[in-house]
């Protein structure tokens, strides 16, 4: 009886673990997936070391919603059109495997242009208001003050952008007409973002197909400045950016 009881207990444990894995798999696939920020292209909105929950259901599902991008979903199902100003995670079109995160500024049919560092959508200016400098702390301890603006889309959506230098390489562009079924993405760190302003054949992002959208960045749930390794538990409190915990991404 004792051996039988022990076997039964092991079986229950295995079943519990399997159920937990299946539930986590289902949540990650259809509801929310964690995503961390590896670069500074979305400063000041997102910092390196931020961890987000990305809502997988916001725009429906494609093969890129599934683990390993399994080709089980043709195109998109349960599709819902993104909005200008959404912060979006997507697969990089030129390899369909690398995760990128940018702000969606152009919908299908939109005409997008940057003139003297100012974004225009369908010839309408996204007005910029100069605000306090963004104080950037590098991982080497350097402190830099970067010009920061409050940018407002014609729809009224507002967010902060950085303009590191006047007359940057991508501060004046041609007019981009977004093709059907595609989107135009830009980083908030305008002079330090490889985005849709650079075509895929030049090593950039180019236009992003609807099928490549993975989800919308909704909630910042954790943030660390990287000054503490995972084994340096005594440094964790000093490395955590507690003020960023549970902030809504916008």
Protein backbone atom coordinates (compact mmCIF):
# COMPACT_ATOMS: atom_id res chain seq x y z
CA UNK A 1 0.00 0.00 0.00
CA UNK A 2 2.86 2.35 0.77
CA UNK A 3 4.51 1.74 -2.63
CA UNK A 4 1.20 2.30 -4.38
CA UNK A 5 0.68 5.54 -2.50
CA UNK A 6 4.15 6.79 -3.47
CA UNK A 7 3.53 5.91 -7.13
CA UNK A 8 0.21 7.69 -7.05
CA UNK A 9 1.87 10.79 -5.54
CA UNK A 10 4.53 10.87 -8.27
CA UNK A 11 1.85 10.52 -10.94
CA UNK A 12 -0.13 13.42 -9.48
CA UNK A 13 3.00 15.58 -9.44
CA UNK A 14 3.76 14.78 -13.08
CA UNK A 15 0.18 15.55 -14.11
CA UNK A 16 0.28 18.85 -12.22
CA UNK A 17 3.51 19.86 -13.94
CA UNK A 18 2.11 18.91 -17.36
CA UNK A 19 -1.09 20.87 -16.73
CA UNK A 20 0.91 23.91 -15.59
CA UNK A 21 3.08 23.78 -18.71
CA UNK A 22 0.02 23.49 -20.97
CA UNK A 23 -1.70 26.41 -19.25
CA UNK A 24 1.44 28.56 -19.53
CA UNK A 25 1.76 27.57 -23.19
CA UNK A 26 -1.85 28.53 -23.87
CA UNK A 27 -1.56 31.90 -22.09
CA UNK A 28 1.68 32.72 -23.92
CA UNK A 29 0.14 31.79 -27.27
CA UNK A 30 -3.29 33.43 -27.11
CA UNK A 31 -3.16 36.01 -24.32
CA UNK A 32 0.07 37.60 -23.08
CA UNK A 33 3.74 37.00 -23.78
CA UNK A 34 6.65 38.59 -21.86
CA UNK A 35 9.15 40.63 -23.87
CA UNK A 36 12.31 42.42 -22.77
CA UNK A 37 13.90 45.53 -24.29
CA UNK A 38 17.42 44.90 -25.62
CA UNK A 39 18.19 48.23 -27.34
CA UNK A 40 17.76 52.00 -26.96
CA UNK A 41 15.71 52.56 -30.14
CA UNK A 42 12.52 53.23 -28.14
CA UNK A 43 13.97 55.69 -25.63
CA UNK A 44 12.53 57.50 -23.74
CA UNK A 45 9.38 55.36 -23.76
CA UNK A 46 11.18 52.07 -23.14
CA UNK A 47 14.56 51.53 -21.49
CA UNK A 48 17.02 48.69 -21.89
CA UNK A 49 16.13 46.24 -19.11
CA UNK A 50 12.37 46.88 -19.25
CA UNK A 51 10.13 43.80 -19.28
CA UNK A 52 6.70 44.02 -20.91
CA UNK A 53 3.55 42.03 -21.33
CA UNK A 54 2.55 41.96 -25.00
CA UNK A 55 -1.12 41.26 -25.71
CA UNK A 56 -1.24 38.55 -28.39
CA UNK A 57 -4.97 38.99 -29.03
CA UNK A 58 -4.91 42.72 -29.89
CA UNK A 59 -4.51 42.20 -33.65
CA UNK A 60 -5.59 38.59 -34.00
CA UNK A 61 -3.23 35.69 -34.67
CA UNK A 62 -0.79 34.55 -37.35
CA UNK A 63 1.88 31.86 -37.53
CA UNK A 64 4.17 34.26 -35.63
CA UNK A 65 1.81 34.11 -32.66
CA UNK A 66 2.80 30.46 -32.21
CA UNK A 67 5.98 29.09 -30.62
CA UNK A 68 8.69 28.53 -33.25
CA UNK A 69 6.41 30.35 -35.74
CA UNK A 70 4.81 27.05 -36.66
CA UNK A 71 3.03 27.42 -40.05
CA UNK A 72 -0.38 26.40 -38.73
CA UNK A 73 -2.24 29.68 -39.33
CA UNK A 74 -2.57 31.06 -42.89
CA UNK A 75 -2.42 34.87 -42.92
CA UNK A 76 -4.24 36.30 -39.86
CA UNK A 77 -7.34 35.16 -38.04
CA UNK A 78 -9.61 37.23 -35.74
CA UNK A 79 -7.87 40.29 -37.23
CA UNK A 80 -8.30 43.68 -35.62
CA UNK A 81 -6.65 46.71 -37.26
CA UNK A 82 -3.88 48.35 -35.21
CA UNK A 83 -4.06 52.04 -34.38
CA UNK A 84 -1.56 54.75 -35.14
CA UNK A 85 0.56 55.29 -32.07
CA UNK A 86 0.45 51.68 -30.83
CA UNK A 87 3.74 50.26 -29.59
CA UNK A 88 4.00 46.99 -31.51
CA UNK A 89 6.14 43.86 -31.36
CA UNK A 90 6.65 42.25 -34.77
CA UNK A 91 8.90 39.88 -36.68
CA UNK A 92 11.53 41.64 -38.76
CA UNK A 93 10.33 41.19 -42.38
CA UNK A 94 13.77 40.51 -43.87
CA UNK A 95 14.30 37.38 -41.76
CA UNK A 96 10.85 36.68 -40.24
CA UNK A 97 12.51 35.54 -37.02
CA UNK A 98 13.98 38.53 -35.14
CA UNK A 99 11.62 40.31 -32.72
CA UNK A 100 11.48 44.10 -33.07
CA UNK A 101 9.49 46.68 -31.12
CA UNK A 102 8.59 50.09 -32.59
CA UNK A 103 5.77 52.61 -32.68
CA UNK A 104 3.25 52.21 -35.49
CA UNK A 105 2.92 55.53 -37.32
CA UNK A 106 1.55 54.52 -40.71
CA UNK A 107 -1.50 52.45 -41.74
CA UNK A 108 -2.11 50.97 -45.22
CA UNK A 109 -2.47 53.79 -47.75
CA UNK A 110 -0.88 56.44 -45.51
CA UNK A 111 1.80 58.76 -46.84
CA UNK A 112 4.65 59.13 -44.37
CA UNK A 113 7.49 61.62 -44.51
CA UNK A 114 10.03 63.19 -42.15
CA UNK A 115 10.97 66.81 -42.83
CA UNK A 116 13.66 68.50 -40.76
CA UNK A 117 13.09 65.90 -38.03
CA UNK A 118 9.30 66.41 -37.96
CA UNK A 119 6.96 63.53 -38.79
CA UNK A 120 4.17 64.10 -41.32
CA UNK A 121 1.27 61.70 -41.82
CA UNK A 122 -0.75 62.33 -44.98
CA UNK A 123 0.82 65.81 -45.16
CA UNK A 124 -0.39 66.61 -41.64
CA UNK A 125 2.31 67.64 -39.20
CA UNK A 126 2.77 65.72 -35.96
CA UNK A 127 3.39 68.75 -33.80
CA UNK A 128 6.35 68.64 -31.43
CA UNK A 129 6.59 70.53 -28.15
CA UNK A 130 10.02 70.92 -26.55
CA UNK A 131 10.03 69.63 -22.98
CA UNK A 132 12.73 68.93 -20.38
CA UNK A 133 15.80 67.08 -21.59
CA UNK A 134 15.88 63.33 -21.19
CA UNK A 135 18.66 62.38 -18.77
CA UNK A 136 20.37 59.31 -20.15
CA UNK A 137 22.59 57.16 -17.93
CA UNK A 138 24.84 54.86 -19.92
CA UNK A 139 25.99 51.51 -18.58
CA UNK A 140 29.46 53.03 -18.24
CA UNK A 141 28.20 55.67 -15.80
CA UNK A 142 28.14 58.57 -18.25
CA UNK A 143 25.29 61.09 -18.03
CA UNK A 144 23.94 62.73 -21.18
CA UNK A 145 21.20 65.30 -21.70
CA UNK A 146 19.19 64.62 -24.86
CA UNK A 147 16.61 67.01 -26.39
CA UNK A 148 13.13 65.61 -25.74
CA UNK A 149 9.78 66.45 -27.34
CA UNK A 150 6.12 65.72 -26.77
CA UNK A 151 4.86 64.60 -30.18
CA UNK A 152 1.16 64.70 -31.05
CA UNK A 153 -0.34 62.79 -33.96
CA UNK A 154 -3.24 64.34 -35.91
CA UNK A 155 -5.49 61.84 -34.10
CA UNK A 156 -4.44 63.31 -30.74
CA UNK A 157 -2.20 60.42 -29.63
CA UNK A 158 0.77 61.77 -27.65
CA UNK A 159 4.13 60.30 -26.65
CA UNK A 160 7.71 61.42 -26.06
CA UNK A 161 10.48 61.29 -28.68
CA UNK A 162 14.18 62.11 -28.64
CA UNK A 163 16.17 64.15 -31.17
CA UNK A 164 19.84 63.54 -30.44
CA UNK A 165 21.15 65.72 -33.25
CA UNK A 166 19.74 68.18 -35.75
CA UNK A 167 19.94 67.15 -39.40
CA UNK A 168 20.39 63.47 -38.61
CA UNK A 169 20.68 60.92 -41.41
CA UNK A 170 16.95 60.13 -41.28
CA UNK A 171 15.64 63.62 -40.46
CA UNK A 172 14.68 64.26 -44.10
CA UNK A 173 13.15 61.45 -46.13
CA UNK A 174 11.22 60.78 -49.30
CA UNK A 175 7.47 60.23 -49.09
CA UNK A 176 6.66 56.61 -48.20
CA UNK A 177 3.28 55.30 -49.33
CA UNK A 178 2.33 52.34 -47.16
CA UNK A 179 1.20 49.38 -49.31
CA UNK A 180 -2.05 47.50 -48.63
CA UNK A 181 -1.72 45.02 -45.81
CA UNK A 182 1.45 46.69 -44.43
CA UNK A 183 2.44 49.16 -41.71
CA UNK A 184 5.12 51.81 -41.14
CA UNK A 185 7.09 51.64 -37.88
CA UNK A 186 9.40 54.17 -36.21
CA UNK A 187 11.44 54.21 -33.01
CA UNK A 188 10.89 57.03 -30.51
CA UNK A 189 14.67 57.55 -30.38
CA UNK A 190 14.54 59.06 -33.84
CA UNK A 191 18.28 59.37 -34.51
CA UNK A 192 19.09 55.94 -33.12
CA UNK A 193 16.50 53.64 -34.62
CA UNK A 194 16.72 51.32 -37.61
CA UNK A 195 13.07 51.29 -38.66
CA UNK A 196 10.74 51.59 -41.66
CA UNK A 197 12.61 54.66 -42.88
CA UNK A 198 15.31 52.23 -44.02
CA UNK A 199 14.32 49.60 -46.57
CA UNK A 200 14.91 45.91 -45.97
CA UNK A 201 17.40 45.67 -48.85
CA UNK A 202 19.52 48.30 -47.07
CA UNK A 203 19.47 46.35 -43.81
CA UNK A 204 16.47 48.15 -42.31
CA UNK A 205 12.88 47.23 -41.48
CA UNK A 206 10.93 48.55 -44.45
CA UNK A 207 7.18 48.09 -44.54
CA UNK A 208 5.89 45.48 -42.07
CA UNK A 209 3.28 42.96 -43.33
CA UNK A 210 0.19 42.45 -41.19
CA UNK A 211 1.11 38.77 -40.81
CA UNK A 212 4.32 39.77 -38.98
CA UNK A 213 2.55 41.57 -36.13
CA UNK A 214 2.92 39.66 -32.85
CA UNK A 215 1.04 41.94 -30.47
CA UNK A 216 0.72 45.29 -28.71
CA UNK A 217 2.96 46.26 -25.80
CA UNK A 218 0.49 46.90 -22.98
CA UNK A 219 2.12 46.74 -19.54
CA UNK A 220 5.64 47.27 -18.22
CA UNK A 221 5.81 44.88 -15.27
CA UNK A 222 9.52 44.89 -14.33
CA UNK A 223 12.65 46.94 -15.00
CA UNK A 224 16.32 46.67 -14.08
CA UNK A 225 19.27 48.88 -14.99
CA UNK A 226 21.53 45.86 -15.48
CA UNK A 227 23.97 46.75 -12.70
CA UNK A 228 23.35 43.47 -10.85
CA UNK A 229 23.90 39.97 -12.19
CA UNK A 230 21.31 37.28 -11.52
CA UNK A 231 23.62 35.79 -8.88
CA UNK A 232 24.22 39.14 -7.11
CA UNK A 233 21.02 39.06 -5.10
CA UNK A 234 22.38 41.60 -2.61
CA UNK A 235 22.50 44.18 -5.44
CA UNK A 236 19.02 43.50 -6.81
CA UNK A 237 17.19 46.25 -4.84
CA UNK A 238 19.59 48.92 -6.10
CA UNK A 239 19.32 47.73 -9.71
CA UNK A 240 15.54 47.66 -9.92
CA UNK A 241 13.68 50.66 -11.31
CA UNK A 242 10.68 50.37 -9.01
CA UNK A 243 8.98 53.49 -10.40
CA UNK A 244 8.59 51.74 -13.76
CA UNK A 245 6.89 48.63 -12.36
CA UNK A 246 3.32 48.14 -13.64
CA UNK A 247 3.30 51.19 -15.90
CA UNK A 248 0.99 51.19 -18.90
CA UNK A 249 2.88 51.51 -22.20
CA UNK A 250 1.75 54.44 -24.34
